[in-house]
């Protein structure tokens, strides 16, 4: 599983965000969309840990 940061608008608050990912194309064809929740954190604070 990839763990990469995603930029969000500054007006977004911290907490949990519900996102839906769509994967189109590829060798195997389209994948079904996946919806899940991820924590929204301040990247600068997380980098100091």
C-alpha atoms as a PDB file:
ATOM      1  CA  UNK A   1       0.000   0.000   0.000  1.00  0.00           C
ATOM      2  CA  UNK A   2       1.365   3.428  -0.934  1.00  0.00           C
ATOM      3  CA  UNK A   3       1.502   6.117   1.733  1.00  0.00           C
ATOM      4  CA  UNK A   4       1.963   9.486   0.060  1.00  0.00           C
ATOM      5  CA  UNK A   5       0.821  12.920   1.243  1.00  0.00           C
ATOM      6  CA  UNK A   6      -2.023  14.652  -0.573  1.00  0.00           C
ATOM      7  CA  UNK A   7      -2.437  18.427  -0.635  1.00  0.00           C
ATOM      8  CA  UNK A   8      -5.791  19.740   0.530  1.00  0.00           C
ATOM      9  CA  UNK A   9      -7.248  23.274   0.661  1.00  0.00           C
ATOM     10  CA  UNK A  10      -6.051  25.366   3.623  1.00  0.00           C
ATOM     11  CA  UNK A  11      -9.649  25.853   4.785  1.00  0.00           C
ATOM     12  CA  UNK A  12      -9.992  22.092   5.384  1.00  0.00           C
ATOM     13  CA  UNK A  13     -10.071  21.262   9.067  1.00  0.00           C
ATOM     14  CA  UNK A  14      -8.212  18.502  10.876  1.00  0.00           C
ATOM     15  CA  UNK A  15      -9.988  15.257  11.659  1.00  0.00           C
ATOM     16  CA  UNK A  16     -11.218  12.516   9.343  1.00  0.00           C
ATOM     17  CA  UNK A  17     -11.903  12.994   5.621  1.00  0.00           C
ATOM     18  CA  UNK A  18     -14.027  10.664   3.507  1.00  0.00           C
ATOM     19  CA  UNK A  19     -12.462  10.127   0.084  1.00  0.00           C
ATOM     20  CA  UNK A  20     -13.373   8.081  -2.959  1.00  0.00           C
ATOM     21  CA  UNK A  21     -10.679   6.796  -5.323  1.00  0.00           C
ATOM     22  CA  UNK A  22     -11.339   5.887  -8.932  1.00  0.00           C
ATOM     23  CA  UNK A  23      -8.779   3.929 -10.973  1.00  0.00           C
ATOM     24  CA  UNK A  24      -9.379   3.987 -14.711  1.00  0.00           C
ATOM     25  CA  UNK A  25      -7.670   1.991 -17.401  1.00  0.00           C
ATOM     26  CA  UNK A  26      -4.551  -0.076 -16.919  1.00  0.00           C
ATOM     27  CA  UNK A  27      -3.773  -3.588 -18.086  1.00  0.00           C
ATOM     28  CA  UNK A  28      -6.574  -5.198 -16.096  1.00  0.00           C
ATOM     29  CA  UNK A  29      -9.245  -2.617 -16.929  1.00  0.00           C
ATOM     30  CA  UNK A  30     -11.142  -0.319 -14.600  1.00  0.00           C
ATOM     31  CA  UNK A  31     -11.277  -1.037 -10.870  1.00  0.00           C
ATOM     32  CA  UNK A  32     -14.344  -0.444  -8.724  1.00  0.00           C
ATOM     33  CA  UNK A  33     -14.295   2.856  -6.800  1.00  0.00           C
ATOM     34  CA  UNK A  34     -13.213   2.594  -3.165  1.00  0.00           C
ATOM     35  CA  UNK A  35     -14.488   4.946  -0.428  1.00  0.00           C
ATOM     36  CA  UNK A  36     -12.802   5.201   2.957  1.00  0.00           C
ATOM     37  CA  UNK A  37     -11.800   7.681   5.666  1.00  0.00           C
ATOM     38  CA  UNK A  38      -8.304   9.048   6.256  1.00  0.00           C
ATOM     39  CA  UNK A  39      -6.966  11.351   8.969  1.00  0.00           C
ATOM     40  CA  UNK A  40      -6.292  14.981   8.006  1.00  0.00           C
ATOM     41  CA  UNK A  41      -3.126  16.138   9.781  1.00  0.00           C
ATOM     42  CA  UNK A  42      -0.735  19.087   9.638  1.00  0.00           C
ATOM     43  CA  UNK A  43       2.194  17.808   7.557  1.00  0.00           C
ATOM     44  CA  UNK A  44       4.684  20.210   9.170  1.00  0.00           C
ATOM     45  CA  UNK A  45       3.840  18.880  12.633  1.00  0.00           C
ATOM     46  CA  UNK A  46       3.955  15.257  11.466  1.00  0.00           C
ATOM     47  CA  UNK A  47       7.418  15.780   9.896  1.00  0.00           C
ATOM     48  CA  UNK A  48       8.833  16.821  13.291  1.00  0.00           C
ATOM     49  CA  UNK A  49       7.900  13.459  14.885  1.00  0.00           C
END
